[in-house]
Amino acid sequence: MTLRPRALASTLLTTFLTSGALIASAGLLSPPAQAAPAVPAAPAAPAASAASASFTPAAPVWGTCSSDTLKQLKAECAKIVVPLDYDHPAGAKIKLAISRIKHTTKDYQGVMLVNPGGPGGSGLGLSVLKLYVPNGGGDTYDWIGFDPRGVGASEPAVSCDPNYFGYDRPRYVPASPALSDAWFTKTDAYTKACAQKNGAILEHLTTRDSAMDMESIRKALGEKKINYYGFSYGTYLGQVYGTLYPKRLRRVVFDGTVDPRKIWYDANLDQDVAFDRNIDIWFGWIAKHDDVYHLGTTLKDVRSRFYKTEERLYRDPVKGKGGNLGGSEWVDAFLYAGYYQTTWTDLAQTFSDFVRKGDVAALEAAYLDANGYGDDNGYAVYLGVQCTDTKTWPEKWSTWERDNWKAFAKAPYETWANAWYNEPCRHWPAKPHKEVKINGKKVKSLLMINETLDAATPYAGSLEVRKRFPKARLIAEPGGTTHSGSLYGNACVDDRIADYLATGKLPKRKSGKRADVECAPLPQPDPSPAAQQKKAGEKAAQPQAKRPTLKDLTGTRGALLHR
């Protein structure tokens, strides 16, 4: 769940692109009572090896993008050839897909690379982020979207089993050895397929590798420095780049900052508790609007209805168009409620319509929107990055079992779903590396944004990164539960981002472990018929905005980008 491929960046992007904003996780498990076979760890590379520093890619040959939307926006696309292994730059090569929307003013402030998170999120279409910075704050940059190595249009693209997230999967909570065995069988088959189908690239998917790719993009574009906008996991990629190449960073925005102390096992356990809190906040909001949803007048009532429905579906799954939907599909269908307030009304209606009317179609649509069924590229890269970024994944199943049962006692909603999502890291077919020790002392400018109840990237991570990056400034949104929601209409936040990008102006840094600026989060949605009618009227009265949707950019509805 830490930064679930398909969870984070997509949802962000979907909501962002459809209404004018943009946005962007991990778990645990494996064979019974046995430790997964030990895999020899790769030695940690120096900050930037001499071999990698000597590599300079060819300049991109810009051409027409395949996306109709990018064509309409006069974007250009290209592929940059980089080493598979930067320690051997003369060896095998891979290709990175990039897009560019050029600056539209006489003043030029360089390139702005954008990463939506994941890891595993496709960022090729995110050059359009330029359109969503208010007050023309992004007009002086060339905006560069890119698919990280292994992702999307980059070559090769990693995939193991496109239908891994199928229907009627085993119960998440392993209440018996048989249930654990069922998941072990499933995840073992997935990692074996990964080994068989992907080859050498699995050894070279770390965040360090992607940071070196960013440096190659900089060189290929002929720029002395880059500017960078990272969402969710993209903030960790930015931290690693800033550690390896601090003098190459100019202006930087982090939205939803990853805690570098918890890469990645501990981050998932923290997320379990945070998502449980946020799903309860959502249940309380539903109860507040019982006149609309009729699911109970108290948080306790709504929560009870939710978990009773989950149990009923485990006992008696319902038939959707693609297969049976059981309790595990029920849990996944509502995951986005823990990420984004913008999903609350639709998901509450799905919850209500299924419980009260037996509407299976809406439930199935919500489930498909939140998982990677039919396309596991995001999930495969997510594992490829997180499983090899660090040596901290426990090898013994007994450790995972102990830690997740402890978390489950406090946070039943997502703990075991998240555990099984990440369990393949116990037997991933590539070596784990020593993680990069994040040091931002030489990065000269950074603006961070975080809602204080963000579940995917808890607020403590932003405070830690603020400490490690002495020139950073942090905008906090107290009480907000949305993950990576900048450029979504909160003027207090978005105008400061625009001003920073335009002028480099940062708020004054305050002393102590706290934010430098506080902005009220966007209000919780009002689902009342009167409010919805007013919203529809306002939308109808406005001229149709010519803003692309995620479907325009990718041909799919998309999901999130992170579990």
Protein backbone atom coordinates (compact mmCIF):
# COMPACT_ATOMS: atom_id res chain seq x y z
CA MET A 1 0.00 0.00 0.00
CA THR A 2 2.93 2.26 0.50
CA LEU A 3 2.90 3.59 -2.99
CA ARG A 4 0.78 1.19 -4.85
CA PRO A 5 1.35 1.17 -8.57
CA ARG A 6 -1.96 2.10 -10.09
CA ALA A 7 -3.13 3.53 -6.90
CA LEU A 8 -1.49 6.80 -6.45
CA ALA A 9 -0.45 8.56 -9.56
CA SER A 10 -3.42 7.48 -11.57
CA THR A 11 -6.07 8.61 -9.20
CA LEU A 12 -4.31 11.82 -8.76
CA LEU A 13 -3.96 12.18 -12.41
CA THR A 14 -7.51 11.17 -13.17
CA THR A 15 -8.98 13.63 -10.74
CA PHE A 16 -6.41 16.24 -11.52
CA LEU A 17 -6.80 16.09 -15.25
CA THR A 18 -10.58 15.94 -15.25
CA SER A 19 -11.08 18.83 -12.86
CA GLY A 20 -7.86 20.74 -12.94
CA ALA A 21 -5.40 19.11 -10.61
CA LEU A 22 -2.85 16.38 -10.37
CA ILE A 23 -1.69 13.97 -7.82
CA ALA A 24 -0.01 9.96 -6.93
CA SER A 25 2.21 1.89 -1.13
CA ALA A 26 3.55 -2.01 0.35
CA GLY A 27 2.60 -5.13 2.64
CA LEU A 28 4.02 -8.64 3.43
CA LEU A 29 3.95 -12.63 3.35
CA SER A 30 5.20 -16.13 1.93
CA PRO A 31 5.64 -19.94 2.37
CA PRO A 32 4.54 -21.33 5.72
CA ALA A 33 7.01 -21.68 8.57
CA GLN A 34 9.90 -21.49 6.13
CA ALA A 35 12.16 -18.60 5.38
CA ALA A 36 12.39 -17.54 1.77
CA PRO A 37 15.71 -18.50 0.22
CA ALA A 38 18.34 -15.90 0.91
CA VAL A 39 19.41 -13.84 -2.08
CA PRO A 40 22.92 -12.41 -2.02
CA ALA A 41 22.79 -8.67 -1.56
CA ALA A 42 24.41 -6.39 -4.08
CA PRO A 43 27.02 -4.02 -2.74
CA ALA A 44 26.02 -0.42 -2.34
CA ALA A 45 27.30 1.76 -5.13
CA PRO A 46 29.06 5.04 -4.40
CA ALA A 47 27.03 8.24 -4.71
CA ALA A 48 27.58 8.26 -8.45
CA SER A 49 30.13 5.89 -9.95
CA ALA A 50 32.79 7.15 -12.33
CA ALA A 51 31.39 4.84 -14.99
CA SER A 52 27.90 6.30 -14.73
CA ALA A 53 29.24 9.85 -14.66
CA SER A 54 31.08 9.25 -17.93
CA PHE A 55 27.93 8.22 -19.84
CA THR A 56 26.30 10.84 -22.02
CA PRO A 57 23.23 9.83 -24.03
CA ALA A 58 22.44 11.08 -27.50
CA ALA A 59 20.11 14.06 -27.77
CA PRO A 60 16.46 13.07 -28.29
CA VAL A 61 15.01 13.03 -31.76
CA TRP A 62 11.62 14.63 -31.15
CA GLY A 63 8.62 13.38 -33.06
CA THR A 64 4.86 13.04 -32.90
CA CYS A 65 3.28 11.58 -29.76
CA SER A 66 0.87 8.67 -30.09
CA SER A 67 -1.60 10.25 -27.64
CA ASP A 68 -4.22 12.38 -29.40
CA THR A 69 -4.32 14.70 -26.41
CA LEU A 70 -0.58 15.28 -26.44
CA LYS A 71 -0.82 15.91 -30.17
CA GLN A 72 -3.52 18.53 -29.60
CA LEU A 73 -1.31 20.23 -27.04
CA LYS A 74 1.60 20.23 -29.50
CA ALA A 75 3.65 17.98 -27.28
CA GLU A 76 6.67 16.19 -28.68
CA CYS A 77 7.77 12.66 -27.81
CA ALA A 78 11.03 10.78 -28.01
CA LYS A 79 13.00 7.89 -26.55
CA ILE A 80 16.36 8.21 -24.88
CA VAL A 81 18.81 5.29 -24.91
CA VAL A 82 20.49 4.67 -21.54
CA PRO A 83 22.51 1.83 -19.99
CA LEU A 84 20.70 -1.06 -18.39
CA ASP A 85 23.52 -1.06 -15.81
CA TYR A 86 25.24 2.26 -15.19
CA ASP A 87 28.28 0.47 -13.79
CA HIS A 88 28.74 -0.93 -17.31
CA PRO A 89 27.63 1.91 -19.58
CA ALA A 90 29.01 0.26 -22.72
CA GLY A 91 26.83 -2.81 -22.17
CA ALA A 92 23.14 -3.53 -22.79
CA LYS A 93 20.84 -0.55 -23.35
CA ILE A 94 17.21 0.28 -22.61
CA LYS A 95 14.95 3.12 -23.79
CA LEU A 96 13.14 5.77 -21.76
CA ALA A 97 9.96 7.31 -23.22
CA ILE A 98 9.71 11.08 -22.68
CA SER A 99 7.34 13.87 -23.71
CA ARG A 100 7.78 17.64 -23.82
CA ILE A 101 5.45 20.63 -23.79
CA LYS A 102 7.56 23.71 -24.36
CA HIS A 103 7.57 27.03 -22.55
CA THR A 104 5.25 29.70 -23.89
CA THR A 105 6.98 32.91 -22.76
CA LYS A 106 10.15 34.73 -23.78
CA ASP A 107 11.63 33.94 -20.40
CA TYR A 108 12.91 30.38 -20.06
CA GLN A 109 13.69 28.74 -16.72
CA GLY A 110 14.71 25.29 -17.91
CA VAL A 111 13.08 21.87 -17.92
CA MET A 112 10.62 20.58 -15.32
CA LEU A 113 10.61 16.80 -14.91
CA VAL A 114 7.47 15.28 -13.40
CA ASN A 115 7.01 11.94 -11.68
CA PRO A 116 3.53 10.76 -10.54
CA GLY A 117 4.64 8.15 -8.03
CA GLY A 118 4.06 4.45 -7.68
CA PRO A 119 6.70 3.25 -8.09
CA GLY A 120 5.38 1.99 -11.39
CA GLY A 121 3.37 5.03 -12.42
CA SER A 122 3.41 6.15 -16.03
CA GLY A 123 4.41 9.79 -16.25
CA LEU A 124 4.68 10.15 -20.01
CA GLY A 125 1.51 12.24 -20.21
CA LEU A 126 2.40 14.45 -17.25
CA SER A 127 4.02 17.13 -19.34
CA VAL A 128 0.41 18.45 -19.35
CA LEU A 129 0.87 19.45 -15.71
CA LYS A 130 2.04 22.77 -17.11
CA LEU A 131 -1.62 23.58 -17.87
CA TYR A 132 -2.69 23.30 -14.24
CA VAL A 133 -0.27 25.65 -12.55
CA PRO A 134 -2.29 28.80 -11.83
CA ASN A 135 -1.35 32.34 -12.78
CA GLY A 136 0.94 31.18 -15.57
CA GLY A 137 3.43 29.90 -13.01
CA GLY A 138 4.50 27.01 -15.21
CA ASP A 139 4.73 28.85 -18.53
CA THR A 140 8.46 29.54 -18.38
CA TYR A 141 9.42 25.85 -18.28
CA ASP A 142 9.63 23.00 -20.74
CA TRP A 143 7.58 20.32 -18.98
CA ILE A 144 8.99 16.81 -19.35
CA GLY A 145 6.88 13.74 -18.70
CA PHE A 146 8.63 10.38 -18.66
CA ASP A 147 7.95 6.71 -18.14
CA PRO A 148 10.60 5.39 -15.72
CA ARG A 149 12.55 2.31 -16.72
CA GLY A 150 10.34 -0.73 -17.07
CA VAL A 151 7.14 1.36 -17.21
CA GLY A 152 4.61 1.93 -19.97
CA ALA A 153 6.14 3.05 -23.25
CA SER A 154 9.73 2.67 -22.05
CA GLU A 155 11.50 -0.43 -23.37
CA PRO A 156 11.39 -3.09 -22.17
CA ALA A 157 8.17 -2.81 -20.17
CA VAL A 158 8.00 -5.21 -17.22
CA SER A 159 5.04 -7.57 -16.84
CA CYS A 160 4.58 -10.91 -15.08
CA ASP A 161 0.91 -11.95 -15.06
CA PRO A 162 -1.56 -9.32 -16.37
CA ASN A 163 -4.50 -11.07 -14.70
CA TYR A 164 -2.92 -11.53 -11.28
CA PHE A 165 -5.56 -9.30 -9.70
CA GLY A 166 -8.42 -11.52 -10.70
CA TYR A 167 -11.75 -12.34 -9.12
CA ASP A 168 -12.81 -14.22 -5.98
CA ARG A 169 -9.31 -14.30 -4.50
CA PRO A 170 -8.48 -15.95 -1.17
CA ARG A 171 -9.53 -14.32 2.07
CA TYR A 172 -7.00 -11.68 3.04
CA VAL A 173 -6.87 -12.46 6.76
CA PRO A 174 -4.93 -15.76 7.06
CA ALA A 175 -7.03 -17.28 9.82
CA SER A 176 -5.90 -20.81 8.88
CA PRO A 177 -2.79 -22.45 7.38
CA ALA A 178 -4.85 -23.27 4.29
CA LEU A 179 -5.47 -19.57 3.61
CA SER A 180 -1.78 -18.75 4.03
CA ASP A 181 -0.88 -21.60 1.70
CA ALA A 182 -3.33 -20.33 -0.92
CA TRP A 183 -1.64 -16.92 -0.92
CA PHE A 184 1.85 -18.43 -0.91
CA THR A 185 0.95 -20.47 -3.97
CA LYS A 186 -0.43 -17.38 -5.70
CA THR A 187 2.51 -15.07 -4.95
CA ASP A 188 5.12 -17.75 -5.69
CA ALA A 189 3.59 -18.27 -9.12
CA TYR A 190 3.74 -14.53 -9.73
CA THR A 191 7.41 -14.10 -8.85
CA LYS A 192 8.34 -17.17 -10.92
CA ALA A 193 6.53 -15.63 -13.89
CA CYS A 194 8.43 -12.39 -13.29
CA ALA A 195 11.76 -14.23 -13.42
CA GLN A 196 10.80 -16.12 -16.58
CA LYS A 197 9.43 -13.16 -18.57
CA ASN A 198 11.70 -10.23 -17.79
CA GLY A 199 15.33 -11.18 -17.59
CA ALA A 200 18.12 -8.81 -16.64
CA ILE A 201 16.08 -5.65 -16.13
CA LEU A 202 14.78 -6.98 -12.79
CA GLU A 203 18.29 -6.47 -11.41
CA HIS A 204 18.23 -2.79 -12.39
CA LEU A 205 14.94 -1.27 -11.25
CA THR A 206 16.02 0.49 -8.07
CA THR A 207 15.27 4.10 -7.28
CA ARG A 208 18.99 4.76 -7.66
CA ASP A 209 18.77 3.45 -11.24
CA SER A 210 15.86 5.77 -11.99
CA ALA A 211 17.68 8.73 -10.45
CA MET A 212 20.59 8.01 -12.78
CA ASP A 213 18.08 7.90 -15.63
CA MET A 214 16.92 11.39 -14.65
CA GLU A 215 20.52 12.53 -14.86
CA SER A 216 20.74 10.98 -18.34
CA ILE A 217 17.59 12.85 -19.37
CA ARG A 218 19.18 16.08 -18.13
CA LYS A 219 22.30 15.41 -20.19
CA ALA A 220 20.34 14.40 -23.27
CA LEU A 221 18.36 17.65 -23.10
CA GLY A 222 21.57 19.68 -22.79
CA GLU A 223 20.53 21.32 -19.52
CA LYS A 224 22.91 22.32 -16.74
CA LYS A 225 20.18 21.79 -14.13
CA ILE A 226 16.68 20.39 -13.88
CA ASN A 227 13.56 21.47 -12.01
CA TYR A 228 11.45 18.69 -10.56
CA TYR A 229 7.86 18.05 -9.41
CA GLY A 230 7.34 14.74 -7.60
CA PHE A 231 4.20 13.18 -6.17
CA SER A 232 4.25 10.44 -3.51
CA TYR A 233 6.97 7.90 -4.41
CA GLY A 234 8.16 10.58 -6.82
CA THR A 235 9.28 12.53 -3.74
CA TYR A 236 11.58 9.66 -2.78
CA LEU A 237 12.96 9.56 -6.31
CA GLY A 238 13.61 13.27 -5.91
CA GLN A 239 15.32 12.70 -2.56
CA VAL A 240 17.64 10.12 -4.10
CA TYR A 241 18.41 12.36 -7.08
CA GLY A 242 19.07 15.27 -4.73
CA THR A 243 21.44 13.09 -2.70
CA LEU A 244 23.37 11.88 -5.76
CA TYR A 245 23.26 15.07 -7.83
CA PRO A 246 22.46 18.01 -5.51
CA LYS A 247 24.13 20.60 -7.74
CA ARG A 248 21.89 19.60 -10.65
CA LEU A 249 18.62 20.53 -8.90
CA ARG A 250 17.15 24.01 -9.21
CA ARG A 251 13.51 24.33 -8.05
CA VAL A 252 11.78 21.32 -6.54
CA VAL A 253 8.25 20.51 -5.39
CA PHE A 254 7.41 17.44 -3.29
CA ASP A 255 3.75 16.60 -2.71
CA GLY A 256 3.07 13.77 -0.25
CA THR A 257 6.60 13.12 0.98
CA VAL A 258 7.95 9.64 1.63
CA ASP A 259 9.73 9.10 4.96
CA PRO A 260 13.30 7.99 4.12
CA ARG A 261 13.62 6.29 7.51
CA LYS A 262 11.06 3.64 6.54
CA ILE A 263 12.01 2.24 3.15
CA TRP A 264 9.85 0.12 2.68
CA TYR A 265 8.74 -2.52 5.18
CA ASP A 266 8.04 -0.20 8.11
CA ALA A 267 6.32 2.30 5.84
CA ASN A 268 3.67 -0.27 5.02
CA LEU A 269 2.94 -1.03 8.65
CA ASP A 270 2.52 2.68 9.34
CA GLN A 271 0.18 2.98 6.37
CA ASP A 272 -2.02 0.18 7.65
CA VAL A 273 -2.84 2.19 10.77
CA ALA A 274 -3.25 5.44 8.82
CA PHE A 275 -5.62 3.91 6.25
CA ASP A 276 -7.73 2.40 8.98
CA ARG A 277 -8.06 5.84 10.56
CA ASN A 278 -9.02 7.40 7.22
CA ILE A 279 -11.57 4.73 6.32
CA ASP A 280 -13.19 5.40 9.71
CA ILE A 281 -13.25 9.11 8.90
CA TRP A 282 -15.08 8.21 5.70
CA PHE A 283 -17.51 5.97 7.59
CA GLY A 284 -18.23 8.88 9.93
CA TRP A 285 -18.88 11.17 6.95
CA ILE A 286 -21.31 8.60 5.49
CA ALA A 287 -23.14 8.45 8.82
CA LYS A 288 -23.37 12.24 8.87
CA HIS A 289 -25.17 12.01 5.53
CA ASP A 290 -27.45 9.11 6.36
CA ASP A 291 -30.31 11.00 4.66
CA VAL A 292 -28.45 10.36 1.38
CA TYR A 293 -26.88 6.92 1.86
CA HIS A 294 -29.07 5.21 4.48
CA LEU A 295 -26.24 3.08 5.87
CA GLY A 296 -26.44 4.10 9.52
CA THR A 297 -26.43 7.23 11.63
CA THR A 298 -23.19 6.58 13.51
CA LEU A 299 -19.66 5.67 12.49
CA LYS A 300 -20.09 2.40 14.38
CA ASP A 301 -23.23 1.55 12.43
CA VAL A 302 -21.60 2.18 9.06
CA ARG A 303 -18.43 0.32 9.98
CA SER A 304 -20.47 -2.67 11.14
CA ARG A 305 -22.41 -2.67 7.86
CA PHE A 306 -19.17 -2.55 5.88
CA TYR A 307 -17.49 -5.49 7.62
CA LYS A 308 -20.66 -7.59 7.72
CA THR A 309 -20.96 -7.15 3.97
CA GLU A 310 -17.33 -8.21 3.53
CA GLU A 311 -17.99 -11.40 5.51
CA ARG A 312 -21.18 -12.12 3.55
CA LEU A 313 -19.27 -11.85 0.28
CA TYR A 314 -16.59 -14.23 1.49
CA ARG A 315 -19.32 -16.76 2.27
CA ASP A 316 -21.39 -16.07 -0.82
CA PRO A 317 -19.64 -14.14 -3.62
CA VAL A 318 -21.72 -12.29 -6.23
CA LYS A 319 -21.29 -12.74 -9.94
CA GLY A 320 -19.93 -9.85 -11.99
CA LYS A 321 -19.29 -9.72 -15.71
CA GLY A 322 -15.67 -10.78 -15.28
CA GLY A 323 -16.09 -13.27 -12.44
CA ASN A 324 -17.15 -13.61 -8.83
CA LEU A 325 -16.67 -10.74 -6.41
CA GLY A 326 -15.89 -11.82 -2.86
CA GLY A 327 -14.70 -10.18 0.33
CA SER A 328 -11.22 -9.39 -0.96
CA GLU A 329 -12.65 -7.58 -3.98
CA TRP A 330 -15.00 -5.69 -1.62
CA VAL A 331 -12.04 -4.42 0.44
CA ASP A 332 -10.12 -3.28 -2.64
CA ALA A 333 -13.12 -1.56 -4.20
CA PHE A 334 -13.15 1.09 -1.46
CA LEU A 335 -9.41 1.66 -1.04
CA TYR A 336 -9.47 5.06 -2.74
CA ALA A 337 -11.68 6.45 0.02
CA GLY A 338 -8.55 6.32 2.19
CA TYR A 339 -6.61 8.29 -0.42
CA TYR A 340 -8.87 11.01 -1.80
CA GLN A 341 -11.90 12.93 -0.58
CA THR A 342 -12.92 13.35 -4.21
CA THR A 343 -13.85 9.65 -4.32
CA TRP A 344 -16.09 9.75 -1.23
CA THR A 345 -19.43 10.49 -2.84
CA ASP A 346 -19.15 7.94 -5.65
CA LEU A 347 -17.82 5.19 -3.40
CA ALA A 348 -20.44 5.87 -0.74
CA GLN A 349 -23.11 5.58 -3.42
CA THR A 350 -21.58 2.29 -4.57
CA PHE A 351 -21.59 1.03 -0.98
CA SER A 352 -25.21 2.08 -0.51
CA ASP A 353 -26.46 0.78 -3.85
CA PHE A 354 -24.89 -2.63 -3.32
CA VAL A 355 -26.13 -3.08 0.26
CA ARG A 356 -29.61 -1.70 -0.36
CA LYS A 357 -30.24 -2.61 -4.01
CA GLY A 358 -27.79 -5.38 -4.84
CA ASP A 359 -26.04 -3.29 -7.53
CA VAL A 360 -23.17 -5.56 -8.59
CA ALA A 361 -22.16 -3.53 -11.65
CA ALA A 362 -21.12 -0.47 -9.64
CA LEU A 363 -19.17 -2.63 -7.18
CA GLU A 364 -17.34 -4.37 -10.01
CA ALA A 365 -16.51 -1.04 -11.65
CA ALA A 366 -15.07 0.28 -8.38
CA TYR A 367 -13.00 -2.88 -7.93
CA LEU A 368 -11.61 -2.75 -11.47
CA ASP A 369 -10.83 0.93 -11.07
CA ALA A 370 -8.72 0.25 -7.99
CA ASN A 371 -6.65 -2.73 -9.14
CA GLY A 372 -4.45 -3.80 -12.02
CA TYR A 373 -6.58 -6.54 -13.54
CA GLY A 374 -5.61 -7.00 -17.18
CA ASP A 375 -2.41 -4.96 -16.91
CA ASP A 376 0.13 -5.62 -14.17
CA ASN A 377 2.91 -3.37 -15.47
CA GLY A 378 2.50 -0.93 -12.58
CA TYR A 379 2.44 -3.67 -9.96
CA ALA A 380 5.39 -5.54 -11.47
CA VAL A 381 7.54 -2.39 -11.48
CA TYR A 382 6.30 -1.47 -8.01
CA LEU A 383 7.66 -4.75 -6.70
CA GLY A 384 10.75 -4.52 -8.87
CA VAL A 385 11.67 -1.20 -7.27
CA GLN A 386 10.60 -1.74 -3.67
CA CYS A 387 11.88 -5.29 -3.35
CA THR A 388 15.37 -4.33 -4.55
CA ASP A 389 15.68 -0.81 -3.10
CA THR A 390 16.53 -2.06 0.37
CA LYS A 391 17.66 -5.03 2.41
CA THR A 392 15.06 -4.39 5.11
CA TRP A 393 12.40 -6.85 3.88
CA PRO A 394 12.39 -9.69 6.46
CA GLU A 395 13.20 -13.12 5.05
CA LYS A 396 11.34 -15.07 7.72
CA TRP A 397 7.60 -15.40 7.39
CA SER A 398 7.35 -15.49 11.17
CA THR A 399 8.46 -11.84 11.28
CA TRP A 400 5.83 -10.74 8.79
CA GLU A 401 3.22 -12.76 10.62
CA ARG A 402 4.06 -11.27 14.00
CA ASP A 403 4.17 -7.67 12.75
CA ASN A 404 1.00 -7.88 10.66
CA TRP A 405 -1.11 -9.56 13.32
CA LYS A 406 0.01 -6.81 15.69
CA ALA A 407 -0.99 -4.14 13.15
CA PHE A 408 -4.25 -5.95 12.37
CA ALA A 409 -5.31 -5.72 16.01
CA LYS A 410 -5.35 -1.93 15.63
CA ALA A 411 -6.12 -1.64 11.92
CA PRO A 412 -8.27 -4.42 10.45
CA TYR A 413 -9.30 -2.70 7.21
CA GLU A 414 -6.19 -2.96 5.03
CA THR A 415 -3.41 -4.67 7.00
CA TRP A 416 -3.55 -8.15 5.50
CA ALA A 417 -4.49 -6.93 2.03
CA ASN A 418 -1.37 -4.77 2.14
CA ALA A 419 0.72 -7.62 3.51
CA TRP A 420 -0.12 -9.95 0.63
CA TYR A 421 0.38 -7.11 -1.84
CA ASN A 422 4.03 -6.85 -0.77
CA GLU A 423 4.78 -10.42 0.24
CA PRO A 424 6.49 -11.18 -3.10
CA CYS A 425 9.44 -9.16 -1.77
CA ARG A 426 10.28 -12.19 0.38
CA HIS A 427 11.10 -14.22 -2.72
CA TRP A 428 11.61 -11.63 -5.43
CA PRO A 429 13.95 -12.91 -8.18
CA ALA A 430 16.51 -10.08 -7.96
CA LYS A 431 19.05 -9.02 -5.38
CA PRO A 432 18.20 -6.43 -2.69
CA HIS A 433 20.50 -3.45 -2.45
CA LYS A 434 21.54 -1.20 0.37
CA GLU A 435 19.26 1.82 0.28
CA VAL A 436 20.56 5.29 -0.45
CA LYS A 437 21.19 7.34 2.69
CA ILE A 438 19.24 10.53 2.03
CA ASN A 439 21.15 13.75 2.51
CA GLY A 440 19.65 17.01 1.28
CA LYS A 441 22.09 19.50 2.79
CA LYS A 442 23.35 20.63 -0.62
CA VAL A 443 19.93 21.02 -2.26
CA LYS A 444 19.34 24.76 -2.41
CA SER A 445 15.56 24.96 -2.81
CA LEU A 446 12.56 22.74 -2.03
CA LEU A 447 8.84 23.36 -1.48
CA MET A 448 6.89 20.54 0.20
CA ILE A 449 3.15 20.00 0.62
CA ASN A 450 1.42 17.45 2.86
CA GLU A 451 -2.05 17.04 4.34
CA THR A 452 -1.54 16.01 7.94
CA LEU A 453 -3.81 12.93 7.78
CA ASP A 454 -2.45 11.67 4.46
CA ALA A 455 -2.45 7.88 4.87
CA ALA A 456 -0.14 6.85 2.01
CA THR A 457 2.66 9.24 2.98
CA PRO A 458 2.14 10.11 6.65
CA TYR A 459 2.96 13.66 7.72
CA ALA A 460 5.93 12.59 9.85
CA GLY A 461 7.79 11.89 6.61
CA SER A 462 7.54 15.51 5.53
CA LEU A 463 8.89 16.69 8.88
CA GLU A 464 11.82 14.28 8.57
CA VAL A 465 12.67 15.38 5.04
CA ARG A 466 12.34 19.03 6.04
CA LYS A 467 15.01 18.34 8.67
CA ARG A 468 17.33 16.64 6.17
CA PHE A 469 16.87 19.40 3.58
CA PRO A 470 17.73 22.61 5.48
CA LYS A 471 16.63 24.84 2.58
CA ALA A 472 13.18 23.19 2.39
CA ARG A 473 9.88 24.81 3.29
CA LEU A 474 6.75 22.86 4.20
CA ILE A 475 3.11 23.75 3.60
CA ALA A 476 0.84 21.68 5.86
CA GLU A 477 -2.92 21.21 5.53
CA PRO A 478 -4.07 20.30 9.06
CA GLY A 479 -6.79 17.64 9.18
CA GLY A 480 -6.72 16.94 5.45
CA THR A 481 -6.91 13.27 4.41
CA THR A 482 -6.12 13.59 0.70
CA HIS A 483 -2.89 12.17 -0.68
CA SER A 484 -0.79 14.33 -3.02
CA GLY A 485 -3.58 16.75 -3.89
CA SER A 486 -1.74 19.88 -5.00
CA LEU A 487 -2.88 21.85 -8.07
CA TYR A 488 -6.44 20.79 -7.33
CA GLY A 489 -8.02 24.12 -6.55
CA ASN A 490 -6.80 25.00 -3.07
CA ALA A 491 -5.67 28.57 -3.77
CA CYS A 492 -3.71 28.84 -0.51
CA VAL A 493 -1.50 25.95 -1.69
CA ASP A 494 -1.60 26.28 -5.46
CA ASP A 495 -0.86 30.02 -5.61
CA ARG A 496 2.22 29.48 -3.46
CA ILE A 497 3.40 26.73 -5.80
CA ALA A 498 2.84 28.99 -8.81
CA ASP A 499 4.72 31.86 -7.17
CA TYR A 500 7.59 29.57 -6.24
CA LEU A 501 7.90 28.21 -9.77
CA ALA A 502 7.69 31.69 -11.27
CA THR A 503 10.05 33.52 -8.92
CA GLY A 504 11.76 31.02 -6.64
CA LYS A 505 10.10 32.66 -3.63
CA LEU A 506 9.76 30.42 -0.57
CA PRO A 507 7.99 31.10 2.75
CA LYS A 508 10.16 32.06 5.68
CA ARG A 509 11.48 28.98 7.45
CA LYS A 510 10.32 28.57 11.02
CA SER A 511 12.40 27.05 13.78
CA GLY A 512 11.60 23.65 15.21
CA LYS A 513 9.92 20.52 13.92
CA ARG A 514 6.86 22.02 12.26
CA ALA A 515 5.44 23.39 9.05
CA ASP A 516 6.42 26.80 7.74
CA VAL A 517 2.93 27.60 6.42
CA GLU A 518 -0.51 26.16 7.15
CA CYS A 519 -3.39 26.10 4.68
CA ALA A 520 -6.87 24.81 5.40
CA PRO A 521 -7.59 21.69 3.33
CA LEU A 522 -10.41 21.67 0.83
CA PRO A 523 -13.75 21.04 2.60
CA GLN A 524 -15.28 17.57 2.72
CA PRO A 525 -17.79 17.02 -0.09
CA ASP A 526 -21.47 17.79 0.40
CA PRO A 527 -23.57 14.97 -1.12
CA SER A 528 -26.94 16.55 -0.41
CA PRO A 529 -29.24 16.77 -3.45
CA ALA A 530 -29.27 20.58 -3.24
CA ALA A 531 -25.47 20.79 -3.23
CA GLN A 532 -25.16 18.32 -6.07
CA GLN A 533 -27.76 20.18 -8.12
CA LYS A 534 -25.91 23.45 -7.55
CA LYS A 535 -22.62 21.84 -8.58
CA ALA A 536 -24.20 20.45 -11.75
CA GLY A 537 -25.64 23.87 -12.56
CA GLU A 538 -22.30 25.60 -12.11
CA LYS A 539 -20.62 23.04 -14.31
CA ALA A 540 -23.24 23.45 -17.03
CA ALA A 541 -22.94 27.25 -16.90
CA GLN A 542 -19.19 27.16 -17.44
CA PRO A 543 -17.68 26.76 -20.91
CA GLN A 544 -16.35 23.28 -21.48
CA ALA A 545 -12.74 23.21 -20.40
CA LYS A 546 -10.43 21.70 -22.99
CA ARG A 547 -8.54 19.71 -20.43
CA PRO A 548 -7.41 16.15 -21.13
CA THR A 549 -8.54 13.22 -19.04
CA LEU A 550 -6.41 10.24 -18.09
CA LYS A 551 -8.35 8.22 -20.64
CA ASP A 552 -7.36 10.75 -23.31
CA LEU A 553 -3.72 10.32 -22.36
CA THR A 554 -3.54 6.56 -21.88
CA GLY A 555 -6.66 5.01 -23.36
CA THR A 556 -7.65 3.66 -19.94
CA ARG A 557 -9.58 4.86 -16.92
CA GLY A 558 -6.62 4.23 -14.70
CA ALA A 559 -6.60 3.61 -10.99
CA LEU A 560 -4.20 4.82 -8.37
CA LEU A 561 -0.54 4.25 -8.08
CA HIS A 562 0.36 2.85 -4.87
CA ARG A 563 -1.38 0.49 -2.66
